[in-house]
PDB file of N, CA and C in Angstrom:
ATOM      1  N   ILE A   1     -34.122  43.178  59.574  1.00  0.00           N
ATOM      2  CA  ILE A   1     -35.234  43.613  58.744  1.00  0.00           C
ATOM      3  C   ILE A   1     -34.792  43.814  57.289  1.00  0.00           C
ATOM      4  N   TYR A   2     -33.541  44.286  57.091  1.00  0.00           N
ATOM      5  CA  TYR A   2     -33.063  44.481  55.733  1.00  0.00           C
ATOM      6  C   TYR A   2     -32.917  43.145  55.004  1.00  0.00           C
ATOM      7  N   GLY A   3     -32.546  42.117  55.748  1.00  0.00           N
ATOM      8  CA  GLY A   3     -32.434  40.795  55.153  1.00  0.00           C
ATOM      9  C   GLY A   3     -33.773  40.283  54.655  1.00  0.00           C
ATOM     10  N   CYS A   4     -34.840  40.535  55.433  1.00  0.00           N
ATOM     11  CA  CYS A   4     -36.180  40.099  55.028  1.00  0.00           C
ATOM     12  C   CYS A   4     -36.649  40.855  53.782  1.00  0.00           C
ATOM     13  N   VAL A   5     -36.396  42.155  53.760  1.00  0.00           N
ATOM     14  CA  VAL A   5     -36.796  42.962  52.604  1.00  0.00           C
ATOM     15  C   VAL A   5     -36.033  42.506  51.364  1.00  0.00           C
ATOM     16  N   PHE A   6     -34.742  42.266  51.515  1.00  0.00           N
ATOM     17  CA  PHE A   6     -33.942  41.785  50.388  1.00  0.00           C
ATOM     18  C   PHE A   6     -34.440  40.431  49.907  1.00  0.00           C
ATOM     19  N   PHE A   7     -34.747  39.528  50.840  1.00  0.00           N
ATOM     20  CA  PHE A   7     -35.220  38.199  50.481  1.00  0.00           C
ATOM     21  C   PHE A   7     -36.545  38.269  49.733  1.00  0.00           C
ATOM     22  N   VAL A   8     -37.461  39.106  50.194  1.00  0.00           N
ATOM     23  CA  VAL A   8     -38.765  39.249  49.533  1.00  0.00           C
ATOM     24  C   VAL A   8     -38.580  39.854  48.140  1.00  0.00           C
ATOM     25  N   ALA A   9     -37.739  40.873  48.031  1.00  0.00           N
ATOM     26  CA  ALA A   9     -37.495  41.490  46.729  1.00  0.00           C
ATOM     27  C   ALA A   9     -36.840  40.492  45.773  1.00  0.00           C
ATOM     28  N   TYR A  10     -35.936  39.704  46.295  1.00  0.00           N
ATOM     29  CA  TYR A  10     -35.262  38.689  45.483  1.00  0.00           C
ATOM     30  C   TYR A  10     -36.263  37.650  44.980  1.00  0.00           C
ATOM     31  N   GLN A  11     -37.152  37.187  45.849  1.00  0.00           N
ATOM     32  CA  GLN A  11     -38.153  36.203  45.453  1.00  0.00           C
ATOM     33  C   GLN A  11     -39.115  36.762  44.414  1.00  0.00           C
ATOM     34  N   ILE A  12     -39.502  38.017  44.582  1.00  0.00           N
ATOM     35  CA  ILE A  12     -40.383  38.647  43.598  1.00  0.00           C
ATOM     36  C   ILE A  12     -39.679  38.732  42.249  1.00  0.00           C
ATOM     37  N   PHE A  13     -38.409  39.129  42.267  1.00  0.00           N
ATOM     38  CA  PHE A  13     -37.649  39.226  41.021  1.00  0.00           C
ATOM     39  C   PHE A  13     -37.542  37.872  40.347  1.00  0.00           C
ATOM     40  N   ILE A  14     -37.189  36.853  41.110  1.00  0.00           N
ATOM     41  CA  ILE A  14     -37.017  35.511  40.538  1.00  0.00           C
ATOM     42  C   ILE A  14     -38.342  34.982  39.998  1.00  0.00           C
ATOM     43  N   ASN A  15     -39.398  35.100  40.783  1.00  0.00           N
ATOM     44  CA  ASN A  15     -40.680  34.492  40.400  1.00  0.00           C
ATOM     45  C   ASN A  15     -41.393  35.240  39.287  1.00  0.00           C
ATOM     46  N   LEU A  16     -41.294  36.554  39.264  1.00  0.00           N
ATOM     47  CA  LEU A  16     -42.044  37.320  38.275  1.00  0.00           C
ATOM     48  C   LEU A  16     -41.219  37.663  37.034  1.00  0.00           C
ATOM     49  N   PHE A  17     -40.081  38.257  37.255  1.00  0.00           N
ATOM     50  CA  PHE A  17     -39.344  38.813  36.129  1.00  0.00           C
ATOM     51  C   PHE A  17     -38.409  37.818  35.451  1.00  0.00           C
ATOM     52  N   LEU A  18     -37.682  37.060  36.225  1.00  0.00           N
ATOM     53  CA  LEU A  18     -36.699  36.164  35.630  1.00  0.00           C
ATOM     54  C   LEU A  18     -37.361  35.060  34.814  1.00  0.00           C
ATOM     55  N   ASP A  19     -38.445  34.494  35.323  1.00  0.00           N
ATOM     56  CA  ASP A  19     -39.155  33.465  34.564  1.00  0.00           C
ATOM     57  C   ASP A  19     -39.705  34.029  33.255  1.00  0.00           C
ATOM     58  N   SER A  20     -40.228  35.235  33.314  1.00  0.00           N
ATOM     59  CA  SER A  20     -40.745  35.878  32.116  1.00  0.00           C
ATOM     60  C   SER A  20     -39.620  36.172  31.131  1.00  0.00           C
ATOM     61  N   TYR A  21     -38.492  36.612  31.640  1.00  0.00           N
ATOM     62  CA  TYR A  21     -37.342  36.921  30.788  1.00  0.00           C
ATOM     63  C   TYR A  21     -36.811  35.667  30.106  1.00  0.00           C
ATOM     64  N   ILE A  22     -36.699  34.589  30.849  1.00  0.00           N
ATOM     65  CA  ILE A  22     -36.227  33.328  30.271  1.00  0.00           C
ATOM     66  C   ILE A  22     -37.234  32.802  29.253  1.00  0.00           C
ATOM     67  N   ASN A  23     -38.524  32.947  29.548  1.00  0.00           N
ATOM     68  CA  ASN A  23     -39.557  32.537  28.606  1.00  0.00           C
ATOM     69  C   ASN A  23     -39.446  33.334  27.304  1.00  0.00           C
ATOM     70  N   ASP A  24     -39.190  34.652  27.415  1.00  0.00           N
ATOM     71  CA  ASP A  24     -39.028  35.463  26.216  1.00  0.00           C
ATOM     72  C   ASP A  24     -37.827  35.005  25.397  1.00  0.00           C
ATOM     73  N   PHE A  25     -36.730  34.657  26.065  1.00  0.00           N
ATOM     74  CA  PHE A  25     -35.555  34.168  25.350  1.00  0.00           C
ATOM     75  C   PHE A  25     -35.853  32.864  24.625  1.00  0.00           C
ATOM     76  N   ASN A  26     -36.599  31.985  25.259  1.00  0.00           N
ATOM     77  CA  ASN A  26     -36.854  30.665  24.685  1.00  0.00           C
ATOM     78  C   ASN A  26     -37.913  30.694  23.586  1.00  0.00           C
ATOM     79  N   GLU A  27     -38.902  31.559  23.707  1.00  0.00           N
ATOM     80  CA  GLU A  27     -40.034  31.537  22.790  1.00  0.00           C
ATOM     81  C   GLU A  27     -39.913  32.535  21.641  1.00  0.00           C
ATOM     82  N   TYR A  28     -39.387  33.708  21.918  1.00  0.00           N
ATOM     83  CA  TYR A  28     -39.394  34.776  20.919  1.00  0.00           C
ATOM     84  C   TYR A  28     -37.980  35.057  20.444  1.00  0.00           C
ATOM     85  N   THR A  29     -37.857  35.494  19.196  1.00  0.00           N
ATOM     86  CA  THR A  29     -36.536  35.690  18.624  1.00  0.00           C
ATOM     87  C   THR A  29     -35.970  37.080  18.896  1.00  0.00           C
ATOM     88  N   SER A  30     -36.790  38.054  19.199  1.00  0.00           N
ATOM     89  CA  SER A  30     -36.337  39.435  19.268  1.00  0.00           C
ATOM     90  C   SER A  30     -35.298  39.666  20.360  1.00  0.00           C
ATOM     91  N   ILE A  31     -35.540  39.175  21.544  1.00  0.00           N
ATOM     92  CA  ILE A  31     -34.617  39.414  22.653  1.00  0.00           C
ATOM     93  C   ILE A  31     -33.308  38.675  22.423  1.00  0.00           C
ATOM     94  N   ALA A  32     -33.391  37.445  21.981  1.00  0.00           N
ATOM     95  CA  ALA A  32     -32.172  36.682  21.709  1.00  0.00           C
ATOM     96  C   ALA A  32     -31.379  37.323  20.572  1.00  0.00           C
ATOM     97  N   THR A  33     -32.060  37.800  19.557  1.00  0.00           N
ATOM     98  CA  THR A  33     -31.382  38.427  18.429  1.00  0.00           C
ATOM     99  C   THR A  33     -30.710  39.726  18.852  1.00  0.00           C
ATOM    100  N   ARG A  34     -31.413  40.546  19.589  1.00  0.00           N
ATOM    101  CA  ARG A  34     -30.825  41.819  20.036  1.00  0.00           C
ATOM    102  C   ARG A  34     -29.633  41.579  20.949  1.00  0.00           C
ATOM    103  N   SER A  35     -29.746  40.645  21.854  1.00  0.00           N
ATOM    104  CA  SER A  35     -28.644  40.367  22.767  1.00  0.00           C
ATOM    105  C   SER A  35     -27.436  39.817  22.017  1.00  0.00           C
ATOM    106  N   TYR A  36     -27.668  38.870  21.143  1.00  0.00           N
ATOM    107  CA  TYR A  36     -26.564  38.233  20.436  1.00  0.00           C
ATOM    108  C   TYR A  36     -25.891  39.186  19.456  1.00  0.00           C
ATOM    109  N   THR A  37     -26.677  39.944  18.691  1.00  0.00           N
ATOM    110  CA  THR A  37     -26.071  40.853  17.723  1.00  0.00           C
ATOM    111  C   THR A  37     -25.313  41.985  18.413  1.00  0.00           C
ATOM    112  N   THR A  38     -25.802  42.447  19.546  1.00  0.00           N
ATOM    113  CA  THR A  38     -25.078  43.468  20.302  1.00  0.00           C
ATOM    114  C   THR A  38     -23.782  42.905  20.855  1.00  0.00           C
ATOM    115  N   PHE A  39     -23.832  41.687  21.368  1.00  0.00           N
ATOM    116  CA  PHE A  39     -22.624  41.035  21.874  1.00  0.00           C
ATOM    117  C   PHE A  39     -21.576  40.894  20.772  1.00  0.00           C
ATOM    118  N   VAL A  40     -21.981  40.443  19.601  1.00  0.00           N
ATOM    119  CA  VAL A  40     -21.039  40.247  18.495  1.00  0.00           C
ATOM    120  C   VAL A  40     -20.495  41.595  18.015  1.00  0.00           C
ATOM    121  N   ALA A  41     -21.329  42.612  17.950  1.00  0.00           N
ATOM    122  CA  ALA A  41     -20.864  43.926  17.493  1.00  0.00           C
ATOM    123  C   ALA A  41     -19.832  44.509  18.452  1.00  0.00           C
ATOM    124  N   ILE A  42     -20.050  44.378  19.746  1.00  0.00           N
ATOM    125  CA  ILE A  42     -19.078  44.885  20.716  1.00  0.00           C
ATOM    126  C   ILE A  42     -17.804  44.054  20.652  1.00  0.00           C
ATOM    127  N   LEU A  43     -17.939  42.763  20.435  1.00  0.00           N
ATOM    128  CA  LEU A  43     -16.760  41.905  20.270  1.00  0.00           C
ATOM    129  C   LEU A  43     -15.938  42.333  19.045  1.00  0.00           C
ATOM    130  N   ILE A  44     -16.601  42.656  17.956  1.00  0.00           N
ATOM    131  CA  ILE A  44     -15.900  43.126  16.758  1.00  0.00           C
ATOM    132  C   ILE A  44     -15.215  44.456  17.025  1.00  0.00           C
ATOM    133  N   SER A  45     -15.864  45.343  17.766  1.00  0.00           N
ATOM    134  CA  SER A  45     -15.241  46.643  18.048  1.00  0.00           C
ATOM    135  C   SER A  45     -14.010  46.497  18.926  1.00  0.00           C
ATOM    136  N   VAL A  46     -13.954  45.448  19.731  1.00  0.00           N
ATOM    137  CA  VAL A  46     -12.755  45.185  20.529  1.00  0.00           C
ATOM    138  C   VAL A  46     -11.679  44.530  19.657  1.00  0.00           C
ATOM    139  N   MET A  47     -12.094  43.646  18.752  1.00  0.00           N
ATOM    140  CA  MET A  47     -11.138  42.970  17.870  1.00  0.00           C
ATOM    141  C   MET A  47     -10.517  43.944  16.862  1.00  0.00           C
ATOM    142  N   TYR A  48     -11.301  44.901  16.402  1.00  0.00           N
ATOM    143  CA  TYR A  48     -10.841  45.923  15.464  1.00  0.00           C
ATOM    144  C   TYR A  48     -10.976  47.277  16.151  1.00  0.00           C
ATOM    145  N   PRO A  49      -9.995  47.669  16.970  1.00  0.00           N
ATOM    146  CA  PRO A  49     -10.150  48.870  17.803  1.00  0.00           C
ATOM    147  C   PRO A  49     -10.300  50.170  17.012  1.00  0.00           C
ATOM    148  N   PHE A  50      -9.865  50.206  15.753  1.00  0.00           N
ATOM    149  CA  PHE A  50     -10.042  51.399  14.929  1.00  0.00           C
ATOM    150  C   PHE A  50     -11.267  51.298  14.035  1.00  0.00           C
ATOM    151  N   GLY A  51     -12.041  50.252  14.185  1.00  0.00           N
ATOM    152  CA  GLY A  51     -13.285  50.093  13.453  1.00  0.00           C
ATOM    153  C   GLY A  51     -13.113  49.345  12.144  1.00  0.00           C
ATOM    154  N   THR A  52     -14.232  48.984  11.571  1.00  0.00           N
ATOM    155  CA  THR A  52     -14.238  48.259  10.303  1.00  0.00           C
ATOM    156  C   THR A  52     -14.720  49.122   9.159  1.00  0.00           C
ATOM    157  N   GLY A  53     -15.299  50.247   9.448  1.00  0.00           N
ATOM    158  CA  GLY A  53     -15.871  51.075   8.390  1.00  0.00           C
ATOM    159  C   GLY A  53     -17.216  50.531   7.954  1.00  0.00           C
ATOM    160  N   THR A  54     -17.762  51.137   6.929  1.00  0.00           N
ATOM    161  CA  THR A  54     -19.100  50.735   6.504  1.00  0.00           C
ATOM    162  C   THR A  54     -19.096  49.684   5.401  1.00  0.00           C
ATOM    163  N   SER A  55     -17.973  49.488   4.728  1.00  0.00           N
ATOM    164  CA  SER A  55     -17.975  48.525   3.630  1.00  0.00           C
ATOM    165  C   SER A  55     -17.465  47.151   4.032  1.00  0.00           C
ATOM    166  N   LEU A  56     -16.667  47.061   5.070  1.00  0.00           N
ATOM    167  CA  LEU A  56     -16.090  45.787   5.460  1.00  0.00           C
ATOM    168  C   LEU A  56     -16.916  45.052   6.523  1.00  0.00           C
ATOM    169  N   TYR A  57     -17.717  45.785   7.276  1.00  0.00           N
ATOM    170  CA  TYR A  57     -18.398  45.145   8.408  1.00  0.00           C
ATOM    171  C   TYR A  57     -19.363  44.033   8.022  1.00  0.00           C
ATOM    172  N   PRO A  58     -20.073  44.065   6.874  1.00  0.00           N
ATOM    173  CA  PRO A  58     -20.984  42.941   6.603  1.00  0.00           C
ATOM    174  C   PRO A  58     -20.283  41.590   6.507  1.00  0.00           C
ATOM    175  N   ILE A  59     -19.099  41.577   5.955  1.00  0.00           N
ATOM    176  CA  ILE A  59     -18.361  40.317   5.828  1.00  0.00           C
ATOM    177  C   ILE A  59     -17.890  39.846   7.197  1.00  0.00           C
ATOM    178  N   ILE A  60     -17.274  40.747   7.938  1.00  0.00           N
ATOM    179  CA  ILE A  60     -16.767  40.395   9.269  1.00  0.00           C
ATOM    180  C   ILE A  60     -17.919  40.051  10.200  1.00  0.00           C
ATOM    181  N   TYR A  61     -18.991  40.821  10.117  1.00  0.00           N
ATOM    182  CA  TYR A  61     -20.122  40.642  11.031  1.00  0.00           C
ATOM    183  C   TYR A  61     -20.786  39.281  10.847  1.00  0.00           C
ATOM    184  N   VAL A  62     -21.035  38.893   9.618  1.00  0.00           N
ATOM    185  CA  VAL A  62     -21.678  37.596   9.364  1.00  0.00           C
ATOM    186  C   VAL A  62     -20.761  36.458   9.795  1.00  0.00           C
ATOM    187  N   ASN A  63     -19.457  36.595   9.537  1.00  0.00           N
ATOM    188  CA  ASN A  63     -18.513  35.557   9.975  1.00  0.00           C
ATOM    189  C   ASN A  63     -18.497  35.435  11.497  1.00  0.00           C
ATOM    190  N   GLN A  64     -18.502  36.558  12.187  1.00  0.00           N
ATOM    191  CA  GLN A  64     -18.494  36.522  13.652  1.00  0.00           C
ATOM    192  C   GLN A  64     -19.832  36.026  14.214  1.00  0.00           C
ATOM    193  N   LEU A  65     -20.921  36.336  13.527  1.00  0.00           N
ATOM    194  CA  LEU A  65     -22.212  35.769  13.953  1.00  0.00           C
ATOM    195  C   LEU A  65     -22.153  34.248  13.920  1.00  0.00           C
ATOM    196  N   GLN A  66     -21.550  33.718  12.873  1.00  0.00           N
ATOM    197  CA  GLN A  66     -21.465  32.267  12.729  1.00  0.00           C
ATOM    198  C   GLN A  66     -20.440  31.673  13.686  1.00  0.00           C
ATOM    199  N   ASN A  67     -19.301  32.330  13.881  1.00  0.00           N
ATOM    200  CA  ASN A  67     -18.237  31.779  14.722  1.00  0.00           C
ATOM    201  C   ASN A  67     -18.576  31.775  16.205  1.00  0.00           C
ATOM    202  N   ASN A  68     -19.360  32.719  16.668  1.00  0.00           N
ATOM    203  CA  ASN A  68     -19.659  32.831  18.095  1.00  0.00           C
ATOM    204  C   ASN A  68     -21.001  32.230  18.478  1.00  0.00           C
ATOM    205  N   LEU A  69     -21.637  31.554  17.558  1.00  0.00           N
ATOM    206  CA  LEU A  69     -22.951  30.972  17.829  1.00  0.00           C
ATOM    207  C   LEU A  69     -22.896  29.879  18.885  1.00  0.00           C
ATOM    208  N   ASP A  70     -21.756  29.222  19.015  1.00  0.00           N
ATOM    209  CA  ASP A  70     -21.613  28.161  20.022  1.00  0.00           C
ATOM    210  C   ASP A  70     -21.836  28.666  21.442  1.00  0.00           C
ATOM    211  N   LEU A  71     -21.526  29.933  21.678  1.00  0.00           N
ATOM    212  CA  LEU A  71     -21.722  30.498  23.014  1.00  0.00           C
ATOM    213  C   LEU A  71     -23.196  30.550  23.402  1.00  0.00           C
ATOM    214  N   PHE A  72     -24.073  30.761  22.437  1.00  0.00           N
ATOM    215  CA  PHE A  72     -25.499  30.902  22.731  1.00  0.00           C
ATOM    216  C   PHE A  72     -26.273  29.608  22.537  1.00  0.00           C
ATOM    217  N   LEU A  73     -25.678  28.614  21.902  1.00  0.00           N
ATOM    218  CA  LEU A  73     -26.393  27.356  21.676  1.00  0.00           C
ATOM    219  C   LEU A  73     -26.660  26.601  22.978  1.00  0.00           C
ATOM    220  N   ASN A  74     -25.826  26.789  23.966  1.00  0.00           N
ATOM    221  CA  ASN A  74     -25.980  26.087  25.237  1.00  0.00           C
ATOM    222  C   ASN A  74     -27.165  26.591  26.061  1.00  0.00           C
ATOM    223  N   PHE A  75     -27.712  27.759  25.722  1.00  0.00           N
ATOM    224  CA  PHE A  75     -28.776  28.355  26.526  1.00  0.00           C
ATOM    225  C   PHE A  75     -30.176  28.048  26.027  1.00  0.00           C
ATOM    226  N   ASN A  76     -30.298  27.340  24.928  1.00  0.00           N
ATOM    227  CA  ASN A  76     -31.605  26.949  24.397  1.00  0.00           C
ATOM    228  C   ASN A  76     -32.465  28.155  24.038  1.00  0.00           C
ATOM    229  N   PHE A  77     -31.869  29.146  23.408  1.00  0.00           N
ATOM    230  CA  PHE A  77     -32.610  30.315  22.950  1.00  0.00           C
ATOM    231  C   PHE A  77     -33.206  30.032  21.582  1.00  0.00           C
ATOM    232  N   ASN A  78     -34.200  30.808  21.219  1.00  0.00           N
ATOM    233  CA  ASN A  78     -34.795  30.711  19.891  1.00  0.00           C
ATOM    234  C   ASN A  78     -33.916  31.538  18.937  1.00  0.00           C
ATOM    235  N   LEU A  79     -33.100  30.880  18.161  1.00  0.00           N
ATOM    236  CA  LEU A  79     -32.108  31.548  17.319  1.00  0.00           C
ATOM    237  C   LEU A  79     -32.468  31.520  15.836  1.00  0.00           C
ATOM    238  N   SER A  80     -33.731  31.349  15.524  1.00  0.00           N
ATOM    239  CA  SER A  80     -34.118  31.235  14.116  1.00  0.00           C
ATOM    240  C   SER A  80     -33.827  32.516  13.338  1.00  0.00           C
ATOM    241  N   GLU A  81     -34.003  33.665  13.965  1.00  0.00           N
ATOM    242  CA  GLU A  81     -33.716  34.921  13.269  1.00  0.00           C
ATOM    243  C   GLU A  81     -32.212  35.091  13.034  1.00  0.00           C
ATOM    244  N   ILE A  82     -31.410  34.626  13.955  1.00  0.00           N
ATOM    245  CA  ILE A  82     -29.952  34.703  13.786  1.00  0.00           C
ATOM    246  C   ILE A  82     -29.512  33.776  12.658  1.00  0.00           C
ATOM    247  N   TYR A  83     -30.121  32.593  12.573  1.00  0.00           N
ATOM    248  CA  TYR A  83     -29.810  31.693  11.459  1.00  0.00           C
ATOM    249  C   TYR A  83     -30.158  32.339  10.117  1.00  0.00           C
ATOM    250  N   SER A  84     -31.258  33.085  10.079  1.00  0.00           N
ATOM    251  CA  SER A  84     -31.614  33.752   8.823  1.00  0.00           C
ATOM    252  C   SER A  84     -30.645  34.886   8.500  1.00  0.00           C
ATOM    253  N   LEU A  85     -30.099  35.562   9.516  1.00  0.00           N
ATOM    254  CA  LEU A  85     -29.085  36.586   9.264  1.00  0.00           C
ATOM    255  C   LEU A  85     -27.809  35.958   8.703  1.00  0.00           C
ATOM    256  N   ILE A  86     -27.428  34.821   9.261  1.00  0.00           N
ATOM    257  CA  ILE A  86     -26.201  34.161   8.809  1.00  0.00           C
ATOM    258  C   ILE A  86     -26.352  33.650   7.380  1.00  0.00           C
ATOM    259  N   SER A  87     -27.510  33.118   7.051  1.00  0.00           N
ATOM    260  CA  SER A  87     -27.706  32.548   5.713  1.00  0.00           C
ATOM    261  C   SER A  87     -28.172  33.577   4.688  1.00  0.00           C
ATOM    262  N   SER A  88     -28.261  34.844   5.071  1.00  0.00           N
ATOM    263  CA  SER A  88     -28.686  35.891   4.150  1.00  0.00           C
ATOM    264  C   SER A  88     -27.649  36.064   3.049  1.00  0.00           C
ATOM    265  N   THR A  89     -28.093  36.034   1.808  1.00  0.00           N
ATOM    266  CA  THR A  89     -27.170  36.180   0.681  1.00  0.00           C
ATOM    267  C   THR A  89     -27.152  37.599   0.129  1.00  0.00           C
ATOM    268  N   ASP A  90     -28.189  38.385   0.419  1.00  0.00           N
ATOM    269  CA  ASP A  90     -28.238  39.730  -0.134  1.00  0.00           C
ATOM    270  C   ASP A  90     -27.778  40.796   0.865  1.00  0.00           C
ATOM    271  N   GLY A  91     -27.485  40.405   2.106  1.00  0.00           N
ATOM    272  CA  GLY A  91     -26.997  41.361   3.096  1.00  0.00           C
ATOM    273  C   GLY A  91     -28.073  42.239   3.701  1.00  0.00           C
ATOM    274  N   GLU A  92     -29.321  41.935   3.426  1.00  0.00           N
ATOM    275  CA  GLU A  92     -30.417  42.743   3.940  1.00  0.00           C
ATOM    276  C   GLU A  92     -30.608  42.484   5.439  1.00  0.00           C
ATOM    277  N   ASN A  93     -30.762  43.530   6.201  1.00  0.00           N
ATOM    278  CA  ASN A  93     -30.994  43.492   7.650  1.00  0.00           C
ATOM    279  C   ASN A  93     -29.831  42.886   8.437  1.00  0.00           C
ATOM    280  N   VAL A  94     -28.650  42.867   7.870  1.00  0.00           N
ATOM    281  CA  VAL A  94     -27.499  42.342   8.588  1.00  0.00           C
ATOM    282  C   VAL A  94     -26.859  43.508   9.343  1.00  0.00           C
ATOM    283  N   THR A  95     -27.476  43.854  10.459  1.00  0.00           N
ATOM    284  CA  THR A  95     -26.977  44.934  11.306  1.00  0.00           C
ATOM    285  C   THR A  95     -27.109  44.517  12.757  1.00  0.00           C
ATOM    286  N   ALA A  96     -26.345  45.186  13.586  1.00  0.00           N
ATOM    287  CA  ALA A  96     -26.555  45.013  15.018  1.00  0.00           C
ATOM    288  C   ALA A  96     -27.871  45.699  15.358  1.00  0.00           C
ATOM    289  N   LYS A  97     -28.616  45.138  16.248  1.00  0.00           N
ATOM    290  CA  LYS A  97     -29.943  45.674  16.551  1.00  0.00           C
ATOM    291  C   LYS A  97     -29.900  46.763  17.612  1.00  0.00           C
ATOM    292  N   SER A  98     -28.747  47.371  17.774  1.00  0.00           N
ATOM    293  CA  SER A  98     -28.563  48.484  18.692  1.00  0.00           C
ATOM    294  C   SER A  98     -27.691  49.512  17.991  1.00  0.00           C
ATOM    295  N   SER A  99     -28.096  50.766  18.026  1.00  0.00           N
ATOM    296  CA  SER A  99     -27.311  51.789  17.327  1.00  0.00           C
ATOM    297  C   SER A  99     -25.935  51.964  17.952  1.00  0.00           C
ATOM    298  N   PHE A 100     -25.840  51.864  19.275  1.00  0.00           N
ATOM    299  CA  PHE A 100     -24.533  51.966  19.936  1.00  0.00           C
ATOM    300  C   PHE A 100     -23.597  50.866  19.443  1.00  0.00           C
ATOM    301  N   ALA A 101     -24.099  49.653  19.366  1.00  0.00           N
ATOM    302  CA  ALA A 101     -23.272  48.534  18.911  1.00  0.00           C
ATOM    303  C   ALA A 101     -22.922  48.674  17.439  1.00  0.00           C
ATOM    304  N   GLN A 102     -23.855  49.151  16.630  1.00  0.00           N
ATOM    305  CA  GLN A 102     -23.582  49.326  15.204  1.00  0.00           C
ATOM    306  C   GLN A 102     -22.489  50.360  14.986  1.00  0.00           C
ATOM    307  N   TYR A 103     -22.587  51.489  15.653  1.00  0.00           N
ATOM    308  CA  TYR A 103     -21.560  52.517  15.503  1.00  0.00           C
ATOM    309  C   TYR A 103     -20.234  52.095  16.107  1.00  0.00           C
ATOM    310  N   SER A 104     -20.265  51.273  17.144  1.00  0.00           N
ATOM    311  CA  SER A 104     -19.001  50.806  17.705  1.00  0.00           C
ATOM    312  C   SER A 104     -18.289  49.874  16.724  1.00  0.00           C
ATOM    313  N   MET A 105     -19.032  49.173  15.876  1.00  0.00           N
ATOM    314  CA  MET A 105     -18.396  48.392  14.814  1.00  0.00           C
ATOM    315  C   MET A 105     -17.778  49.313  13.775  1.00  0.00           C
ATOM    316  N   TYR A 106     -18.504  50.358  13.403  1.00  0.00           N
ATOM    317  CA  TYR A 106     -18.004  51.281  12.383  1.00  0.00           C
ATOM    318  C   TYR A 106     -16.713  51.973  12.813  1.00  0.00           C
ATOM    319  N   ILE A 107     -16.715  52.537  14.016  1.00  0.00           N
ATOM    320  CA  ILE A 107     -15.594  53.392  14.421  1.00  0.00           C
ATOM    321  C   ILE A 107     -14.687  52.738  15.456  1.00  0.00           C
ATOM    322  N   GLY A 108     -15.015  51.539  15.913  1.00  0.00           N
ATOM    323  CA  GLY A 108     -14.154  50.819  16.842  1.00  0.00           C
ATOM    324  C   GLY A 108     -14.289  51.312  18.269  1.00  0.00           C
ATOM    325  N   ILE A 109     -13.637  50.623  19.154  1.00  0.00           N
ATOM    326  CA  ILE A 109     -13.719  50.956  20.573  1.00  0.00           C
ATOM    327  C   ILE A 109     -12.989  52.262  20.869  1.00  0.00           C
ATOM    328  N   ILE A 110     -11.912  52.529  20.134  1.00  0.00           N
ATOM    329  CA  ILE A 110     -11.184  53.788  20.332  1.00  0.00           C
ATOM    330  C   ILE A 110     -12.048  54.958  19.879  1.00  0.00           C
ATOM    331  N   GLY A 111     -12.714  54.802  18.754  1.00  0.00           N
ATOM    332  CA  GLY A 111     -13.621  55.849  18.288  1.00  0.00           C
ATOM    333  C   GLY A 111     -14.781  56.065  19.239  1.00  0.00           C
ATOM    334  N   MET A 112     -15.279  54.996  19.844  1.00  0.00           N
ATOM    335  CA  MET A 112     -16.371  55.155  20.816  1.00  0.00           C
ATOM    336  C   MET A 112     -15.902  55.882  22.065  1.00  0.00           C
ATOM    337  N   PHE A 113     -14.683  55.572  22.513  1.00  0.00           N
ATOM    338  CA  PHE A 113     -14.146  56.312  23.654  1.00  0.00           C
ATOM    339  C   PHE A 113     -14.028  57.795  23.326  1.00  0.00           C
ATOM    340  N   TYR A 114     -13.530  58.100  22.129  1.00  0.00           N
ATOM    341  CA  TYR A 114     -13.418  59.499  21.726  1.00  0.00           C
ATOM    342  C   TYR A 114     -14.796  60.146  21.625  1.00  0.00           C
ATOM    343  N   PHE A 115     -15.752  59.446  21.039  1.00  0.00           N
ATOM    344  CA  PHE A 115     -17.108  59.981  20.903  1.00  0.00           C
ATOM    345  C   PHE A 115     -17.720  60.281  22.265  1.00  0.00           C
ATOM    346  N   VAL A 116     -17.611  59.349  23.194  1.00  0.00           N
ATOM    347  CA  VAL A 116     -18.165  59.555  24.540  1.00  0.00           C
ATOM    348  C   VAL A 116     -17.440  60.695  25.250  1.00  0.00           C
ATOM    349  N   TYR A 117     -16.103  60.752  25.102  1.00  0.00           N
ATOM    350  CA  TYR A 117     -15.330  61.833  25.714  1.00  0.00           C
ATOM    351  C   TYR A 117     -15.760  63.192  25.155  1.00  0.00           C
ATOM    352  N   ALA A 118     -15.855  63.293  23.824  1.00  0.00           N
ATOM    353  CA  ALA A 118     -16.244  64.557  23.205  1.00  0.00           C
ATOM    354  C   ALA A 118     -17.670  64.931  23.595  1.00  0.00           C
ATOM    355  N   TYR A 119     -18.549  63.972  23.696  1.00  0.00           N
ATOM    356  CA  TYR A 119     -19.931  64.224  24.090  1.00  0.00           C
ATOM    357  C   TYR A 119     -19.995  64.776  25.514  1.00  0.00           C
ATOM    358  N   TRP A 120     -19.317  64.116  26.437  1.00  0.00           N
ATOM    359  CA  TRP A 120     -19.337  64.586  27.827  1.00  0.00           C
ATOM    360  C   TRP A 120     -18.614  65.911  27.981  1.00  0.00           C
ATOM    361  N   TYR A 121     -17.563  66.116  27.203  1.00  0.00           N
ATOM    362  CA  TYR A 121     -16.812  67.376  27.289  1.00  0.00           C
ATOM    363  C   TYR A 121     -17.676  68.541  26.844  1.00  0.00           C
ATOM    364  N   LYS A 122     -18.488  68.351  25.805  1.00  0.00           N
ATOM    365  CA  LYS A 122     -19.368  69.435  25.330  1.00  0.00           C
ATOM    366  C   LYS A 122     -20.488  69.723  26.334  1.00  0.00           C
ATOM    367  N   ILE A 123     -21.004  68.680  26.951  1.00  0.00           N
ATOM    368  CA  ILE A 123     -22.111  68.893  27.885  1.00  0.00           C
ATOM    369  C   ILE A 123     -21.644  69.538  29.182  1.00  0.00           C
ATOM    370  N   TYR A 124     -20.552  69.043  29.731  1.00  0.00           N
ATOM    371  CA  TYR A 124     -20.112  69.485  31.049  1.00  0.00           C
ATOM    372  C   TYR A 124     -18.910  70.429  30.981  1.00  0.00           C
ATOM    373  N   LYS A 125     -18.828  71.180  29.909  1.00  0.00           N
ATOM    374  CA  LYS A 125     -17.719  72.114  29.722  1.00  0.00           C
ATOM    375  C   LYS A 125     -17.864  73.315  30.618  1.00  0.00           C
TER     376      LYS A 125
END
């Protein structure tokens, strides 16, 4: 009986949600932009474990947006907003679209570990 329930739930997920999710990736820029910019920001926080600070990240971020674009080109996503971020000359709106990812670029992965540790230590002290 558990196999039947799992199979039905799986079919519902595939038919309703996954098709809609893939359609959103292909048609609209928001989901693809948020996913890609978050991925690049976390990648930068791993590459620079002590962070980039607030003045250096625009240069590194735009370069990494351009260098890692090949990973997302194979999925046929709507990347027009990402292209506009890469070609931006004034630096406007060149941020990760997630606050966690943005701060992880600023303070690095080590800083994020410390932040999460200090946060949990204060709550569960």
